[in-house]
N, C-alpha and C. Protein backbone atom coordinates (compact mmCIF):
# COMPACT_ATOMS: atom_id res chain seq x y z
N MET A 1 150.91 -188.38 33.57
CA MET A 1 150.52 -187.18 32.92
C MET A 1 149.34 -186.54 33.63
N SER A 2 148.48 -187.34 34.22
CA SER A 2 147.34 -186.76 34.90
C SER A 2 147.77 -185.96 36.13
N SER A 3 148.89 -186.36 36.77
CA SER A 3 149.35 -185.59 37.93
C SER A 3 149.81 -184.19 37.52
N THR A 4 150.43 -184.09 36.36
CA THR A 4 150.84 -182.77 35.86
C THR A 4 149.60 -181.94 35.56
N PHE A 5 148.62 -182.58 34.99
CA PHE A 5 147.37 -181.89 34.65
C PHE A 5 146.68 -181.39 35.91
N SER A 6 146.66 -182.19 36.98
CA SER A 6 146.01 -181.76 38.22
C SER A 6 146.77 -180.62 38.88
N HIS A 7 148.11 -180.61 38.75
CA HIS A 7 148.88 -179.49 39.31
C HIS A 7 148.55 -178.20 38.58
N GLN A 8 148.27 -178.32 37.30
CA GLN A 8 147.93 -177.12 36.55
C GLN A 8 146.53 -176.63 36.90
N LEU A 9 145.63 -177.51 37.28
CA LEU A 9 144.29 -177.11 37.65
C LEU A 9 144.21 -176.56 39.07
N ALA A 10 145.12 -176.93 39.93
CA ALA A 10 145.04 -176.48 41.32
C ALA A 10 145.02 -174.96 41.44
N PRO A 11 145.94 -174.23 40.79
CA PRO A 11 145.87 -172.77 40.89
C PRO A 11 144.57 -172.22 40.33
N PHE A 12 144.07 -172.83 39.26
CA PHE A 12 142.82 -172.38 38.67
C PHE A 12 141.66 -172.58 39.65
N LYS A 13 141.60 -173.77 40.29
CA LYS A 13 140.56 -174.03 41.27
C LYS A 13 140.70 -173.08 42.46
N LEU A 14 141.92 -172.84 42.90
CA LEU A 14 142.15 -171.92 44.01
C LEU A 14 141.69 -170.52 43.64
N GLY A 15 141.92 -170.12 42.39
CA GLY A 15 141.48 -168.80 41.92
C GLY A 15 139.97 -168.67 41.96
N ILE A 16 139.25 -169.72 41.57
CA ILE A 16 137.80 -169.69 41.61
C ILE A 16 137.31 -169.61 43.05
N VAL A 17 137.90 -170.41 43.93
CA VAL A 17 137.50 -170.39 45.35
C VAL A 17 137.81 -169.02 45.95
N THR A 18 139.00 -168.48 45.68
CA THR A 18 139.36 -167.17 46.21
C THR A 18 138.42 -166.09 45.70
N PHE A 19 138.11 -166.13 44.40
CA PHE A 19 137.19 -165.16 43.83
C PHE A 19 135.81 -165.30 44.47
N GLY A 20 135.36 -166.54 44.68
CA GLY A 20 134.07 -166.78 45.32
C GLY A 20 134.03 -166.25 46.75
N VAL A 21 135.10 -166.44 47.50
CA VAL A 21 135.16 -165.93 48.87
C VAL A 21 135.15 -164.41 48.85
N LEU A 22 135.87 -163.81 47.93
CA LEU A 22 135.90 -162.36 47.82
C LEU A 22 134.51 -161.81 47.52
N ILE A 23 133.80 -162.41 46.59
CA ILE A 23 132.44 -161.98 46.26
C ILE A 23 131.54 -162.14 47.48
N ALA A 24 131.64 -163.28 48.18
CA ALA A 24 130.81 -163.50 49.37
C ALA A 24 131.10 -162.46 50.43
N ALA A 25 132.36 -162.10 50.60
CA ALA A 25 132.72 -161.09 51.61
C ALA A 25 132.16 -159.72 51.23
N LEU A 26 132.20 -159.39 49.96
CA LEU A 26 131.67 -158.09 49.53
C LEU A 26 130.16 -158.02 49.68
N VAL A 27 129.47 -159.10 49.43
CA VAL A 27 128.02 -159.12 49.51
C VAL A 27 127.54 -159.17 50.96
N SER A 28 128.21 -159.97 51.78
CA SER A 28 127.72 -160.17 53.14
C SER A 28 128.16 -159.08 54.10
N GLY A 29 129.21 -158.32 53.81
CA GLY A 29 129.67 -157.27 54.71
C GLY A 29 130.52 -157.83 55.82
N PRO A 30 131.00 -156.96 56.71
CA PRO A 30 131.87 -157.42 57.79
C PRO A 30 131.11 -158.22 58.83
N ALA A 31 131.80 -159.17 59.43
CA ALA A 31 131.19 -159.99 60.47
C ALA A 31 131.11 -159.24 61.79
N VAL A 32 132.06 -158.34 62.03
CA VAL A 32 132.08 -157.58 63.28
C VAL A 32 131.96 -156.10 62.92
N VAL A 33 130.99 -155.42 63.53
CA VAL A 33 130.78 -154.00 63.30
C VAL A 33 131.29 -153.23 64.51
N PRO A 34 132.13 -152.21 64.32
CA PRO A 34 132.60 -151.42 65.46
C PRO A 34 131.42 -150.86 66.25
N ALA A 35 131.61 -150.71 67.56
CA ALA A 35 130.52 -150.27 68.44
C ALA A 35 129.94 -148.94 68.00
N HIS A 36 130.78 -147.96 67.65
CA HIS A 36 130.25 -146.65 67.28
C HIS A 36 129.46 -146.70 65.98
N ALA A 37 129.75 -147.62 65.11
CA ALA A 37 129.03 -147.70 63.85
C ALA A 37 127.61 -148.21 64.04
N THR A 38 127.36 -148.97 65.08
CA THR A 38 126.03 -149.51 65.30
C THR A 38 125.09 -148.44 65.83
N THR A 39 125.62 -147.37 66.40
CA THR A 39 124.75 -146.34 66.95
C THR A 39 124.17 -145.46 65.87
N GLY A 40 124.85 -145.30 64.75
CA GLY A 40 124.37 -144.47 63.66
C GLY A 40 124.47 -142.99 63.99
N ASP A 41 124.13 -142.19 63.01
CA ASP A 41 124.13 -140.75 63.20
C ASP A 41 122.99 -140.36 64.15
N ARG A 42 123.17 -139.24 64.84
CA ARG A 42 122.13 -138.72 65.74
C ARG A 42 121.61 -137.39 65.21
N THR A 43 120.36 -137.13 65.47
CA THR A 43 119.80 -135.81 65.18
C THR A 43 120.12 -134.89 66.34
N VAL A 44 120.63 -133.72 66.02
CA VAL A 44 120.99 -132.72 67.03
C VAL A 44 120.03 -131.54 66.90
N THR A 45 119.48 -131.13 68.03
CA THR A 45 118.64 -129.94 68.06
C THR A 45 119.51 -128.74 68.39
N MET A 46 119.40 -127.71 67.57
CA MET A 46 120.13 -126.47 67.80
C MET A 46 119.10 -125.42 68.24
N THR A 47 119.35 -124.78 69.38
CA THR A 47 118.47 -123.74 69.88
C THR A 47 119.29 -122.48 70.07
N LEU A 48 118.93 -121.44 69.34
CA LEU A 48 119.63 -120.16 69.40
C LEU A 48 118.67 -119.13 69.98
N LYS A 49 119.07 -118.56 71.11
CA LYS A 49 118.25 -117.53 71.76
C LYS A 49 119.02 -116.22 71.70
N CYS A 50 118.55 -115.28 70.89
CA CYS A 50 119.22 -113.99 70.71
C CYS A 50 118.57 -112.95 71.62
N THR A 51 119.38 -112.28 72.40
CA THR A 51 118.92 -111.28 73.35
C THR A 51 119.55 -109.94 73.02
N GLY A 52 118.74 -108.91 72.75
CA GLY A 52 119.26 -107.56 72.55
C GLY A 52 119.72 -107.26 71.13
N ASP A 53 120.19 -108.22 70.37
CA ASP A 53 120.65 -108.02 69.00
C ASP A 53 120.64 -109.37 68.28
N SER A 54 120.81 -109.34 66.97
CA SER A 54 120.86 -110.59 66.22
C SER A 54 122.10 -111.39 66.66
N CYS A 55 122.05 -112.69 66.44
CA CYS A 55 123.19 -113.54 66.81
C CYS A 55 123.22 -114.75 65.89
N ASP A 56 124.33 -115.48 65.96
CA ASP A 56 124.44 -116.70 65.17
C ASP A 56 125.24 -117.74 65.94
N GLY A 57 125.02 -119.00 65.55
CA GLY A 57 125.73 -120.12 66.17
C GLY A 57 126.23 -121.06 65.09
N SER A 58 127.30 -121.78 65.41
CA SER A 58 127.85 -122.75 64.46
C SER A 58 128.44 -123.94 65.19
N VAL A 59 128.50 -125.05 64.48
CA VAL A 59 129.08 -126.28 65.03
C VAL A 59 129.86 -126.98 63.91
N PHE A 60 131.04 -127.52 64.25
CA PHE A 60 131.88 -128.26 63.31
C PHE A 60 132.22 -129.61 63.94
N TRP A 61 132.04 -130.70 63.20
CA TRP A 61 132.27 -132.07 63.67
C TRP A 61 133.57 -132.61 63.11
N TYR A 62 134.32 -133.35 63.97
CA TYR A 62 135.59 -133.96 63.56
C TYR A 62 135.69 -135.38 64.10
N GLN A 63 136.47 -136.20 63.41
CA GLN A 63 136.86 -137.52 63.91
C GLN A 63 138.37 -137.47 64.10
N GLY A 64 138.84 -137.79 65.29
CA GLY A 64 140.28 -137.80 65.57
C GLY A 64 140.80 -136.46 66.07
N GLY A 65 139.96 -135.67 66.71
CA GLY A 65 140.40 -134.38 67.25
C GLY A 65 140.38 -133.28 66.20
N LEU A 66 140.82 -132.11 66.61
CA LEU A 66 140.79 -130.94 65.72
C LEU A 66 141.67 -131.08 64.49
N THR A 67 142.72 -131.89 64.60
CA THR A 67 143.58 -132.10 63.44
C THR A 67 143.17 -133.33 62.64
N GLY A 68 142.06 -133.94 63.06
CA GLY A 68 141.58 -135.14 62.38
C GLY A 68 140.75 -134.81 61.16
N THR A 69 139.84 -135.68 60.84
CA THR A 69 139.02 -135.56 59.64
C THR A 69 137.78 -134.72 59.91
N PRO A 70 137.57 -133.64 59.16
CA PRO A 70 136.32 -132.88 59.29
C PRO A 70 135.16 -133.72 58.75
N LEU A 71 134.06 -133.77 59.51
CA LEU A 71 132.92 -134.60 59.12
C LEU A 71 131.69 -133.80 58.73
N GLY A 72 131.65 -132.53 59.07
CA GLY A 72 130.47 -131.74 58.73
C GLY A 72 130.37 -130.50 59.59
N SER A 73 129.40 -129.67 59.24
CA SER A 73 129.19 -128.44 59.99
C SER A 73 127.75 -127.99 59.82
N ALA A 74 127.35 -127.05 60.68
CA ALA A 74 126.01 -126.46 60.59
C ALA A 74 126.06 -125.08 61.22
N SER A 75 125.14 -124.24 60.80
CA SER A 75 125.04 -122.92 61.41
C SER A 75 123.58 -122.50 61.48
N ILE A 76 123.34 -121.52 62.31
CA ILE A 76 121.98 -121.02 62.53
C ILE A 76 122.11 -119.55 62.91
N SER A 77 121.13 -118.75 62.53
CA SER A 77 121.14 -117.34 62.92
C SER A 77 119.72 -116.91 63.25
N GLY A 78 119.63 -115.82 64.01
CA GLY A 78 118.32 -115.34 64.40
C GLY A 78 118.32 -113.85 64.67
N PRO A 79 117.14 -113.22 64.58
CA PRO A 79 117.02 -111.80 64.86
C PRO A 79 117.02 -111.51 66.36
N ALA A 80 117.13 -110.24 66.70
CA ALA A 80 117.15 -109.84 68.11
C ALA A 80 115.88 -110.29 68.83
N ASP A 81 116.05 -110.63 70.09
CA ASP A 81 114.95 -110.98 70.98
C ASP A 81 114.05 -112.08 70.42
N SER A 82 114.68 -113.16 69.99
CA SER A 82 113.94 -114.30 69.43
C SER A 82 114.63 -115.60 69.78
N THR A 83 113.89 -116.69 69.59
CA THR A 83 114.46 -118.02 69.72
C THR A 83 114.26 -118.73 68.38
N THR A 84 115.35 -119.26 67.85
CA THR A 84 115.33 -119.96 66.57
C THR A 84 115.80 -121.39 66.81
N LYS A 85 115.07 -122.34 66.24
CA LYS A 85 115.44 -123.75 66.40
C LYS A 85 115.72 -124.36 65.04
N GLY A 86 116.60 -125.34 65.05
CA GLY A 86 116.92 -126.08 63.85
C GLY A 86 117.51 -127.42 64.23
N THR A 87 117.78 -128.24 63.24
CA THR A 87 118.40 -129.54 63.49
C THR A 87 119.59 -129.72 62.55
N THR A 88 120.48 -130.58 62.96
CA THR A 88 121.61 -130.99 62.15
C THR A 88 121.91 -132.44 62.50
N THR A 89 122.93 -132.98 61.89
CA THR A 89 123.28 -134.39 62.11
C THR A 89 124.62 -134.50 62.82
N GLN A 90 124.65 -135.29 63.89
CA GLN A 90 125.89 -135.64 64.58
C GLN A 90 126.40 -136.93 63.95
N PRO A 91 127.48 -136.86 63.17
CA PRO A 91 127.99 -138.09 62.55
C PRO A 91 128.38 -139.14 63.61
N ALA A 92 128.07 -140.40 63.32
CA ALA A 92 128.36 -141.48 64.27
C ALA A 92 129.83 -141.56 64.63
N ALA A 93 130.71 -141.22 63.71
CA ALA A 93 132.15 -141.32 63.95
C ALA A 93 132.74 -140.09 64.65
N ALA A 94 131.95 -139.03 64.80
CA ALA A 94 132.46 -137.80 65.40
C ALA A 94 132.87 -138.02 66.86
N ASP A 95 134.03 -137.48 67.24
CA ASP A 95 134.49 -137.55 68.63
C ASP A 95 134.92 -136.17 69.15
N THR A 96 134.84 -135.16 68.29
CA THR A 96 135.25 -133.81 68.66
C THR A 96 134.33 -132.82 67.95
N LEU A 97 134.02 -131.73 68.63
CA LEU A 97 133.29 -130.67 67.97
C LEU A 97 133.77 -129.33 68.48
N THR A 98 133.63 -128.33 67.63
CA THR A 98 133.79 -126.95 68.06
C THR A 98 132.44 -126.30 67.84
N PHE A 99 132.06 -125.43 68.74
CA PHE A 99 130.81 -124.71 68.55
C PHE A 99 130.96 -123.33 69.14
N SER A 100 130.17 -122.41 68.61
CA SER A 100 130.28 -121.02 69.05
C SER A 100 128.98 -120.28 68.87
N VAL A 101 128.87 -119.18 69.61
CA VAL A 101 127.75 -118.25 69.47
C VAL A 101 128.36 -116.85 69.39
N GLY A 102 127.77 -115.99 68.60
CA GLY A 102 128.34 -114.65 68.48
C GLY A 102 127.36 -113.63 67.97
N GLU A 103 127.78 -112.38 68.11
CA GLU A 103 127.05 -111.24 67.58
C GLU A 103 127.78 -110.83 66.30
N PRO A 104 127.17 -111.04 65.15
CA PRO A 104 127.89 -110.80 63.91
C PRO A 104 128.29 -109.34 63.66
N SER A 105 127.61 -108.40 64.28
CA SER A 105 127.89 -106.99 64.01
C SER A 105 129.09 -106.44 64.79
N VAL A 106 129.57 -107.16 65.80
CA VAL A 106 130.70 -106.68 66.60
C VAL A 106 131.77 -107.76 66.66
N TYR A 107 132.95 -107.47 66.11
CA TYR A 107 134.06 -108.41 66.13
C TYR A 107 134.47 -108.69 67.58
N GLY A 108 134.61 -109.95 67.93
CA GLY A 108 135.05 -110.33 69.28
C GLY A 108 133.93 -110.55 70.26
N CYS A 109 132.69 -110.29 69.86
CA CYS A 109 131.55 -110.53 70.76
C CYS A 109 131.02 -111.94 70.49
N GLY A 110 131.68 -112.89 71.06
CA GLY A 110 131.26 -114.27 70.89
C GLY A 110 132.01 -115.18 71.83
N ARG A 111 131.62 -116.42 71.85
CA ARG A 111 132.25 -117.41 72.71
C ARG A 111 132.25 -118.73 71.99
N GLY A 112 133.38 -119.42 72.01
CA GLY A 112 133.50 -120.71 71.35
C GLY A 112 134.12 -121.74 72.27
N PHE A 113 133.84 -122.99 72.00
CA PHE A 113 134.33 -124.09 72.82
C PHE A 113 134.74 -125.27 71.95
N ILE A 114 135.60 -126.11 72.50
CA ILE A 114 135.98 -127.39 71.91
C ILE A 114 135.52 -128.46 72.89
N GLN A 115 134.85 -129.47 72.40
CA GLN A 115 134.38 -130.56 73.25
C GLN A 115 134.83 -131.89 72.65
N TYR A 116 135.30 -132.78 73.51
CA TYR A 116 135.66 -134.14 73.12
C TYR A 116 134.65 -135.08 73.77
N PHE A 117 134.24 -136.11 73.04
CA PHE A 117 133.24 -137.04 73.56
C PHE A 117 133.40 -138.40 72.90
N THR A 118 132.73 -139.39 73.43
CA THR A 118 132.77 -140.74 72.88
C THR A 118 131.92 -140.79 71.62
N PRO A 119 132.46 -141.32 70.51
CA PRO A 119 131.67 -141.40 69.28
C PRO A 119 130.32 -142.08 69.52
N GLY A 120 129.27 -141.50 68.97
CA GLY A 120 127.93 -142.05 69.10
C GLY A 120 127.19 -141.66 70.36
N SER A 121 127.86 -140.99 71.30
CA SER A 121 127.19 -140.64 72.55
C SER A 121 126.36 -139.36 72.39
N ALA A 122 125.39 -139.21 73.27
CA ALA A 122 124.55 -138.01 73.26
C ALA A 122 125.37 -136.81 73.73
N ILE A 123 125.01 -135.63 73.25
CA ILE A 123 125.70 -134.41 73.64
C ILE A 123 124.69 -133.39 74.17
N ASN A 124 125.18 -132.45 74.97
CA ASN A 124 124.35 -131.35 75.47
C ASN A 124 125.30 -130.23 75.88
N PHE A 125 125.51 -129.26 75.00
CA PHE A 125 126.47 -128.18 75.24
C PHE A 125 125.80 -126.83 75.00
N LYS A 126 126.32 -125.80 75.70
CA LYS A 126 125.74 -124.47 75.59
C LYS A 126 126.84 -123.42 75.63
N ALA A 127 126.72 -122.39 74.79
CA ALA A 127 127.65 -121.26 74.78
C ALA A 127 126.83 -119.98 74.94
N THR A 128 127.41 -118.98 75.61
CA THR A 128 126.72 -117.72 75.87
C THR A 128 127.60 -116.55 75.44
N VAL A 129 126.98 -115.56 74.79
CA VAL A 129 127.71 -114.36 74.38
C VAL A 129 128.06 -113.56 75.64
N PRO A 130 129.34 -113.16 75.80
CA PRO A 130 129.76 -112.38 76.97
C PRO A 130 129.24 -110.93 76.90
N SER A 131 129.39 -110.19 77.98
CA SER A 131 128.90 -108.81 78.01
C SER A 131 129.82 -107.83 77.28
N THR A 132 131.11 -108.15 77.16
CA THR A 132 132.04 -107.29 76.41
C THR A 132 132.82 -108.14 75.42
N ASP A 133 133.44 -107.48 74.44
CA ASP A 133 134.22 -108.20 73.44
C ASP A 133 135.46 -108.81 74.08
N ASN A 134 136.24 -109.54 73.31
CA ASN A 134 137.40 -110.27 73.83
C ASN A 134 138.43 -109.36 74.50
N ASP A 135 138.51 -108.09 74.09
CA ASP A 135 139.47 -107.14 74.67
C ASP A 135 138.86 -106.34 75.82
N GLY A 136 137.56 -106.45 76.02
CA GLY A 136 136.89 -105.66 77.06
C GLY A 136 136.63 -104.24 76.62
N ASP A 137 136.81 -103.94 75.33
CA ASP A 137 136.65 -102.58 74.82
C ASP A 137 135.22 -102.23 74.43
N ALA A 138 134.50 -103.17 73.85
CA ALA A 138 133.16 -102.88 73.34
C ALA A 138 132.12 -103.67 74.11
N ILE A 139 130.96 -103.06 74.26
CA ILE A 139 129.83 -103.74 74.89
C ILE A 139 129.15 -104.61 73.83
N CYS A 140 128.89 -105.83 74.17
CA CYS A 140 128.20 -106.74 73.25
C CYS A 140 126.69 -106.54 73.40
N ARG A 141 126.06 -106.06 72.36
CA ARG A 141 124.61 -105.80 72.42
C ARG A 141 123.82 -107.11 72.54
N ALA A 142 124.41 -108.21 72.08
CA ALA A 142 123.74 -109.51 72.15
C ALA A 142 124.16 -110.29 73.41
N ALA A 143 124.69 -109.58 74.41
CA ALA A 143 125.13 -110.25 75.65
C ALA A 143 124.02 -111.11 76.22
N GLY A 144 124.38 -112.31 76.64
CA GLY A 144 123.41 -113.25 77.21
C GLY A 144 122.76 -114.15 76.17
N SER A 145 122.98 -113.89 74.89
CA SER A 145 122.44 -114.77 73.85
C SER A 145 123.09 -116.15 74.00
N THR A 146 122.32 -117.19 73.75
CA THR A 146 122.84 -118.55 73.95
C THR A 146 122.63 -119.42 72.72
N PHE A 147 123.50 -120.41 72.59
CA PHE A 147 123.41 -121.44 71.55
C PHE A 147 123.57 -122.77 72.24
N ARG A 148 122.52 -123.60 72.19
CA ARG A 148 122.56 -124.93 72.81
C ARG A 148 122.43 -125.97 71.70
N ILE A 149 123.28 -127.00 71.81
CA ILE A 149 123.20 -128.14 70.91
C ILE A 149 123.04 -129.40 71.76
N GLN A 150 122.05 -130.21 71.40
CA GLN A 150 121.86 -131.45 72.17
C GLN A 150 121.23 -132.52 71.29
N SER A 151 121.68 -133.77 71.59
CA SER A 151 121.14 -134.92 70.86
C SER A 151 120.52 -135.89 71.85
């Protein structure tokens, strides 16, 4: 009869051990941390230099390319003939970004880019407002304005 009793206790003991291991795993965290996770988020300096007219800049962060997961965004704007600085956060998991600079008063007076990079790595990108709009019809008053992002 004791053998039957011990068979009935085995699943119970296994349940306690399994529950204990689960609790230990939740408390202690993973044993191996992915390389990009150890780098953490980075602070990004945004520098917007507006020439001739007001301008604005923006950045959008993604993991897994443009069709991947959006991780965040930031924008900055400034008046004519000025330099405006700000900061934002580069998520540790980000591997793609889009960024642009433009003259808000004229449609098509801007420039945008897509950049792919290794998650957690430093970045240094710059966009410049062109002299004419995308069709070549209008003169961009903010021509030469720049937006630089770097971590």
